[in-house]
Amino acid sequence: MSDTPSVTSQPNAIEMRGIVKRFPGVIANNGIELSVARGEIHGLLGENGAGKSTLLKVLTRITHPTEGRAELTGSVGSLLEVGTGFHPELTGDDRVHRYFLAMVEEASRSRAAAETGG
């Protein structure tokens, strides 16, 4: 008998392959490749104009990529607009921490609902 835990093959929650998003005169995303396993939490960091919001909009199907494919299994939470949930008395770390806790709570509720068939 093996001590190695069995690994079940589950599809990734997010698969983005060859994502390109063009606007007139601008390439917002160029050749983006991203895989995120179920239960993982990621953030996008970059300078203004780097294409972070555009990539999230492609992922959440607010807009479609010019090229490539984005597959989503399950649900994704994202803060797309500057100022969403902004509380001036909180530090940046506090805001990130609160958002992280809200996402974990939502994932727990979704998982519980799936397990109970609700």
N, C-alpha and C. Protein backbone atom coordinates (compact mmCIF):
# COMPACT_ATOMS: atom_id res chain seq x y z
N MET A 1 0.84 -1.18 0.00
CA MET A 1 0.00 0.00 0.00
C MET A 1 0.88 1.24 0.00
N SER A 2 0.54 2.21 -0.81
CA SER A 2 1.36 3.41 -0.97
C SER A 2 0.96 4.48 0.03
N ASP A 3 1.96 5.23 0.52
CA ASP A 3 1.69 6.37 1.40
C ASP A 3 1.42 7.64 0.61
N THR A 4 1.55 7.57 -0.70
CA THR A 4 1.32 8.73 -1.55
C THR A 4 -0.17 8.98 -1.69
N PRO A 5 -0.62 10.22 -1.38
CA PRO A 5 -2.05 10.50 -1.52
C PRO A 5 -2.46 10.43 -2.98
N SER A 6 -3.69 9.97 -3.20
CA SER A 6 -4.17 9.90 -4.57
C SER A 6 -4.47 11.30 -5.07
N VAL A 7 -4.19 11.54 -6.32
CA VAL A 7 -4.41 12.84 -6.93
C VAL A 7 -5.56 12.69 -7.91
N THR A 8 -6.59 13.49 -7.68
CA THR A 8 -7.70 13.47 -8.61
C THR A 8 -7.48 14.57 -9.62
N SER A 9 -7.77 14.25 -10.85
CA SER A 9 -7.56 15.21 -11.91
C SER A 9 -8.81 16.09 -12.05
N GLN A 10 -8.68 17.35 -11.66
CA GLN A 10 -9.76 18.31 -11.82
C GLN A 10 -9.33 19.36 -12.82
N PRO A 11 -10.29 19.87 -13.59
CA PRO A 11 -9.91 20.93 -14.51
C PRO A 11 -9.52 22.18 -13.72
N ASN A 12 -8.62 22.96 -14.28
CA ASN A 12 -8.27 24.23 -13.65
C ASN A 12 -9.48 25.13 -13.63
N ALA A 13 -9.53 26.02 -12.65
CA ALA A 13 -10.62 26.99 -12.57
C ALA A 13 -10.52 28.00 -13.71
N ILE A 14 -9.29 28.34 -14.08
CA ILE A 14 -9.05 29.32 -15.14
C ILE A 14 -7.99 28.78 -16.09
N GLU A 15 -8.28 28.84 -17.36
CA GLU A 15 -7.30 28.52 -18.42
C GLU A 15 -7.38 29.64 -19.46
N MET A 16 -6.30 30.36 -19.61
CA MET A 16 -6.22 31.39 -20.64
C MET A 16 -5.05 31.05 -21.55
N ARG A 17 -5.31 30.96 -22.84
CA ARG A 17 -4.28 30.56 -23.80
C ARG A 17 -4.24 31.54 -24.95
N GLY A 18 -3.08 32.15 -25.15
CA GLY A 18 -2.85 33.02 -26.29
C GLY A 18 -3.76 34.24 -26.33
N ILE A 19 -4.09 34.79 -25.16
CA ILE A 19 -5.03 35.92 -25.11
C ILE A 19 -4.37 37.18 -25.68
N VAL A 20 -5.04 37.72 -26.68
CA VAL A 20 -4.66 39.00 -27.27
C VAL A 20 -5.91 39.86 -27.26
N LYS A 21 -5.78 41.10 -26.81
CA LYS A 21 -6.88 42.05 -26.87
C LYS A 21 -6.34 43.34 -27.46
N ARG A 22 -6.89 43.69 -28.63
CA ARG A 22 -6.48 44.91 -29.32
C ARG A 22 -7.63 45.92 -29.32
N PHE A 23 -7.25 47.17 -29.17
CA PHE A 23 -8.14 48.30 -29.35
C PHE A 23 -7.49 49.17 -30.43
N PRO A 24 -8.22 50.07 -31.05
CA PRO A 24 -7.59 50.92 -32.08
C PRO A 24 -6.34 51.62 -31.54
N GLY A 25 -5.21 51.29 -32.12
CA GLY A 25 -3.94 51.91 -31.74
C GLY A 25 -3.28 51.34 -30.50
N VAL A 26 -3.88 50.31 -29.87
CA VAL A 26 -3.34 49.78 -28.61
C VAL A 26 -3.48 48.26 -28.57
N ILE A 27 -2.42 47.60 -28.14
CA ILE A 27 -2.51 46.17 -27.81
C ILE A 27 -2.49 46.10 -26.29
N ALA A 28 -3.66 45.81 -25.70
CA ALA A 28 -3.78 45.80 -24.23
C ALA A 28 -3.20 44.52 -23.63
N ASN A 29 -3.43 43.39 -24.28
CA ASN A 29 -2.90 42.09 -23.84
C ASN A 29 -2.30 41.43 -25.07
N ASN A 30 -1.16 40.77 -24.89
CA ASN A 30 -0.49 40.16 -26.04
C ASN A 30 0.09 38.81 -25.65
N GLY A 31 -0.60 37.74 -26.04
CA GLY A 31 -0.07 36.39 -25.81
C GLY A 31 -0.12 35.93 -24.36
N ILE A 32 -1.15 36.29 -23.64
CA ILE A 32 -1.26 35.93 -22.22
C ILE A 32 -1.57 34.44 -22.07
N GLU A 33 -0.80 33.77 -21.22
CA GLU A 33 -0.99 32.36 -20.86
C GLU A 33 -1.15 32.31 -19.35
N LEU A 34 -2.26 31.73 -18.87
CA LEU A 34 -2.50 31.69 -17.43
C LEU A 34 -3.32 30.46 -17.08
N SER A 35 -2.87 29.72 -16.08
CA SER A 35 -3.63 28.59 -15.52
C SER A 35 -3.73 28.80 -14.02
N VAL A 36 -4.94 28.66 -13.50
CA VAL A 36 -5.16 28.80 -12.06
C VAL A 36 -5.96 27.58 -11.61
N ALA A 37 -5.41 26.84 -10.65
CA ALA A 37 -6.09 25.66 -10.12
C ALA A 37 -7.23 26.08 -9.21
N ARG A 38 -8.20 25.19 -9.06
CA ARG A 38 -9.33 25.45 -8.16
C ARG A 38 -8.80 25.72 -6.76
N GLY A 39 -9.36 26.73 -6.11
CA GLY A 39 -8.98 27.05 -4.74
C GLY A 39 -7.82 28.02 -4.62
N GLU A 40 -7.10 28.27 -5.70
CA GLU A 40 -6.00 29.22 -5.65
C GLU A 40 -6.54 30.64 -5.73
N ILE A 41 -5.83 31.56 -5.11
CA ILE A 41 -6.18 32.97 -5.16
C ILE A 41 -4.99 33.72 -5.72
N HIS A 42 -5.23 34.53 -6.74
CA HIS A 42 -4.16 35.28 -7.39
C HIS A 42 -4.52 36.74 -7.49
N GLY A 43 -3.53 37.57 -7.67
CA GLY A 43 -3.73 38.99 -7.91
C GLY A 43 -2.93 39.41 -9.12
N LEU A 44 -3.37 40.46 -9.78
CA LEU A 44 -2.65 41.02 -10.91
C LEU A 44 -2.07 42.36 -10.49
N LEU A 45 -0.79 42.51 -10.67
CA LEU A 45 -0.11 43.75 -10.32
C LEU A 45 0.58 44.30 -11.55
N GLY A 46 0.58 45.60 -11.69
CA GLY A 46 1.28 46.22 -12.81
C GLY A 46 1.01 47.71 -12.85
N GLU A 47 1.74 48.37 -13.69
CA GLU A 47 1.60 49.81 -13.84
C GLU A 47 0.27 50.15 -14.49
N ASN A 48 -0.14 51.41 -14.34
CA ASN A 48 -1.32 51.88 -15.04
C ASN A 48 -1.14 51.64 -16.54
N GLY A 49 -2.18 51.12 -17.18
CA GLY A 49 -2.12 50.88 -18.62
C GLY A 49 -1.47 49.57 -19.01
N ALA A 50 -1.15 48.72 -18.02
CA ALA A 50 -0.46 47.45 -18.32
C ALA A 50 -1.41 46.38 -18.86
N GLY A 51 -2.74 46.57 -18.74
CA GLY A 51 -3.69 45.60 -19.27
C GLY A 51 -4.35 44.72 -18.23
N LYS A 52 -4.19 45.04 -16.95
CA LYS A 52 -4.76 44.22 -15.87
C LYS A 52 -6.29 44.18 -15.95
N SER A 53 -6.92 45.34 -16.01
CA SER A 53 -8.38 45.40 -16.06
C SER A 53 -8.91 44.76 -17.33
N THR A 54 -8.23 44.96 -18.43
CA THR A 54 -8.65 44.35 -19.69
C THR A 54 -8.61 42.83 -19.57
N LEU A 55 -7.56 42.29 -18.97
CA LEU A 55 -7.46 40.84 -18.81
C LEU A 55 -8.59 40.31 -17.93
N LEU A 56 -8.90 41.01 -16.84
CA LEU A 56 -10.01 40.59 -15.97
C LEU A 56 -11.34 40.67 -16.70
N LYS A 57 -11.51 41.68 -17.54
CA LYS A 57 -12.75 41.81 -18.31
C LYS A 57 -12.89 40.68 -19.33
N VAL A 58 -11.76 40.24 -19.91
CA VAL A 58 -11.80 39.08 -20.81
C VAL A 58 -12.17 37.83 -20.01
N LEU A 59 -11.54 37.66 -18.87
CA LEU A 59 -11.79 36.49 -18.04
C LEU A 59 -13.25 36.40 -17.59
N THR A 60 -13.83 37.53 -17.20
CA THR A 60 -15.20 37.53 -16.70
C THR A 60 -16.23 37.74 -17.81
N ARG A 61 -15.76 37.72 -19.04
CA ARG A 61 -16.62 37.81 -20.24
C ARG A 61 -17.36 39.12 -20.38
N ILE A 62 -16.80 40.17 -19.79
CA ILE A 62 -17.34 41.51 -20.02
C ILE A 62 -16.98 41.95 -21.44
N THR A 63 -15.81 41.49 -21.89
CA THR A 63 -15.36 41.71 -23.27
C THR A 63 -14.77 40.41 -23.78
N HIS A 64 -14.57 40.32 -25.07
CA HIS A 64 -14.03 39.10 -25.68
C HIS A 64 -12.62 39.36 -26.19
N PRO A 65 -11.76 38.34 -26.16
CA PRO A 65 -10.41 38.54 -26.68
C PRO A 65 -10.44 38.68 -28.20
N THR A 66 -9.47 39.41 -28.72
CA THR A 66 -9.30 39.51 -30.16
C THR A 66 -8.82 38.16 -30.69
N GLU A 67 -7.93 37.51 -29.92
CA GLU A 67 -7.41 36.18 -30.25
C GLU A 67 -7.30 35.39 -28.96
N GLY A 68 -7.26 34.07 -29.09
CA GLY A 68 -7.04 33.19 -27.95
C GLY A 68 -8.35 32.74 -27.32
N ARG A 69 -8.19 31.99 -26.23
CA ARG A 69 -9.37 31.47 -25.55
C ARG A 69 -9.20 31.60 -24.04
N ALA A 70 -10.32 31.86 -23.39
CA ALA A 70 -10.37 31.96 -21.93
C ALA A 70 -11.47 31.04 -21.46
N GLU A 71 -11.11 30.04 -20.64
CA GLU A 71 -12.09 29.11 -20.11
C GLU A 71 -12.15 29.27 -18.60
N LEU A 72 -13.37 29.32 -18.11
CA LEU A 72 -13.61 29.53 -16.69
C LEU A 72 -14.52 28.43 -16.18
N THR A 73 -14.07 27.74 -15.13
CA THR A 73 -14.88 26.71 -14.48
C THR A 73 -15.18 27.19 -13.07
N GLY A 74 -16.44 27.41 -12.77
CA GLY A 74 -16.80 27.92 -11.46
C GLY A 74 -17.02 29.41 -11.51
N SER A 75 -16.71 30.09 -10.41
CA SER A 75 -16.93 31.53 -10.35
C SER A 75 -15.63 32.24 -10.02
N VAL A 76 -15.57 33.48 -10.44
CA VAL A 76 -14.39 34.31 -10.20
C VAL A 76 -14.86 35.62 -9.62
N GLY A 77 -14.19 36.09 -8.60
CA GLY A 77 -14.48 37.41 -8.04
C GLY A 77 -13.35 38.33 -8.42
N SER A 78 -13.70 39.54 -8.85
CA SER A 78 -12.65 40.49 -9.21
C SER A 78 -13.10 41.91 -8.89
N LEU A 79 -12.15 42.73 -8.51
CA LEU A 79 -12.38 44.16 -8.35
C LEU A 79 -11.90 44.82 -9.63
N LEU A 80 -12.82 45.31 -10.43
CA LEU A 80 -12.44 45.85 -11.73
C LEU A 80 -12.31 47.37 -11.73
N GLU A 81 -12.99 48.04 -10.87
CA GLU A 81 -13.00 49.50 -10.93
C GLU A 81 -12.25 50.10 -9.74
N VAL A 82 -11.48 51.13 -10.01
CA VAL A 82 -10.79 51.84 -8.95
C VAL A 82 -11.84 52.43 -8.02
N GLY A 83 -11.65 52.25 -6.73
CA GLY A 83 -12.58 52.80 -5.76
C GLY A 83 -13.63 51.81 -5.29
N THR A 84 -13.72 50.64 -5.92
CA THR A 84 -14.70 49.65 -5.49
C THR A 84 -14.37 49.22 -4.07
N GLY A 85 -15.33 49.37 -3.18
CA GLY A 85 -15.11 48.97 -1.80
C GLY A 85 -14.08 49.82 -1.07
N PHE A 86 -13.85 51.03 -1.56
CA PHE A 86 -12.80 51.86 -1.00
C PHE A 86 -13.24 52.49 0.32
N HIS A 87 -12.44 52.31 1.35
CA HIS A 87 -12.66 52.94 2.64
C HIS A 87 -11.39 53.73 2.96
N PRO A 88 -11.44 55.06 2.94
CA PRO A 88 -10.22 55.86 3.09
C PRO A 88 -9.48 55.64 4.41
N GLU A 89 -10.20 55.14 5.42
CA GLU A 89 -9.54 54.94 6.71
C GLU A 89 -8.70 53.66 6.75
N LEU A 90 -8.84 52.79 5.74
CA LEU A 90 -8.09 51.54 5.71
C LEU A 90 -6.81 51.69 4.90
N THR A 91 -5.79 50.95 5.30
CA THR A 91 -4.56 50.90 4.51
C THR A 91 -4.78 49.98 3.31
N GLY A 92 -3.87 50.01 2.36
CA GLY A 92 -3.94 49.11 1.22
C GLY A 92 -3.93 47.66 1.67
N ASP A 93 -3.08 47.34 2.63
CA ASP A 93 -3.03 45.96 3.15
C ASP A 93 -4.36 45.55 3.77
N ASP A 94 -4.98 46.48 4.51
CA ASP A 94 -6.29 46.19 5.11
C ASP A 94 -7.33 45.89 4.04
N ARG A 95 -7.32 46.67 2.96
CA ARG A 95 -8.29 46.46 1.88
C ARG A 95 -8.10 45.10 1.22
N VAL A 96 -6.85 44.77 0.93
CA VAL A 96 -6.56 43.48 0.31
C VAL A 96 -6.99 42.35 1.24
N HIS A 97 -6.68 42.47 2.52
CA HIS A 97 -7.04 41.44 3.50
C HIS A 97 -8.56 41.26 3.57
N ARG A 98 -9.31 42.35 3.63
CA ARG A 98 -10.78 42.25 3.67
C ARG A 98 -11.32 41.61 2.41
N TYR A 99 -10.77 42.00 1.25
CA TYR A 99 -11.25 41.42 -0.01
C TYR A 99 -10.95 39.92 -0.04
N PHE A 100 -9.74 39.54 0.38
CA PHE A 100 -9.36 38.13 0.43
C PHE A 100 -10.32 37.35 1.32
N LEU A 101 -10.63 37.88 2.51
CA LEU A 101 -11.55 37.19 3.41
C LEU A 101 -12.94 37.06 2.79
N ALA A 102 -13.39 38.08 2.08
CA ALA A 102 -14.70 38.02 1.42
C ALA A 102 -14.71 36.94 0.34
N MET A 103 -13.62 36.81 -0.42
CA MET A 103 -13.54 35.80 -1.46
C MET A 103 -13.52 34.39 -0.87
N VAL A 104 -12.79 34.22 0.24
CA VAL A 104 -12.75 32.91 0.91
C VAL A 104 -14.13 32.56 1.44
N GLU A 105 -14.82 33.54 2.03
CA GLU A 105 -16.17 33.30 2.54
C GLU A 105 -17.12 32.92 1.40
N GLU A 106 -17.04 33.62 0.28
CA GLU A 106 -17.89 33.32 -0.87
C GLU A 106 -17.59 31.92 -1.41
N ALA A 107 -16.31 31.57 -1.49
CA ALA A 107 -15.94 30.23 -1.96
C ALA A 107 -16.48 29.15 -1.02
N SER A 108 -16.42 29.40 0.29
CA SER A 108 -16.95 28.44 1.26
C SER A 108 -18.46 28.28 1.10
N ARG A 109 -19.17 29.40 0.90
CA ARG A 109 -20.63 29.32 0.70
C ARG A 109 -20.95 28.55 -0.57
N SER A 110 -20.21 28.83 -1.65
CA SER A 110 -20.44 28.14 -2.92
C SER A 110 -20.19 26.65 -2.79
N ARG A 111 -19.10 26.29 -2.11
CA ARG A 111 -18.75 24.89 -1.91
C ARG A 111 -19.83 24.20 -1.08
N ALA A 112 -20.31 24.85 0.00
CA ALA A 112 -21.34 24.26 0.85
C ALA A 112 -22.64 24.08 0.06
N ALA A 113 -22.98 25.05 -0.75
CA ALA A 113 -24.20 24.94 -1.56
C ALA A 113 -24.09 23.79 -2.56
N ALA A 114 -22.91 23.64 -3.15
CA ALA A 114 -22.71 22.54 -4.11
C ALA A 114 -22.81 21.17 -3.43
N GLU A 115 -22.28 21.09 -2.21
CA GLU A 115 -22.30 19.83 -1.48
C GLU A 115 -23.70 19.45 -1.02
N THR A 116 -24.54 20.46 -0.74
CA THR A 116 -25.89 20.18 -0.26
C THR A 116 -26.92 20.21 -1.38
N GLY A 117 -26.44 20.52 -2.59
CA GLY A 117 -27.34 20.56 -3.74
C GLY A 117 -28.17 21.82 -3.79
N GLY A 118 -27.77 22.85 -3.02
CA GLY A 118 -28.55 24.10 -2.96
C GLY A 118 -27.93 25.14 -3.69
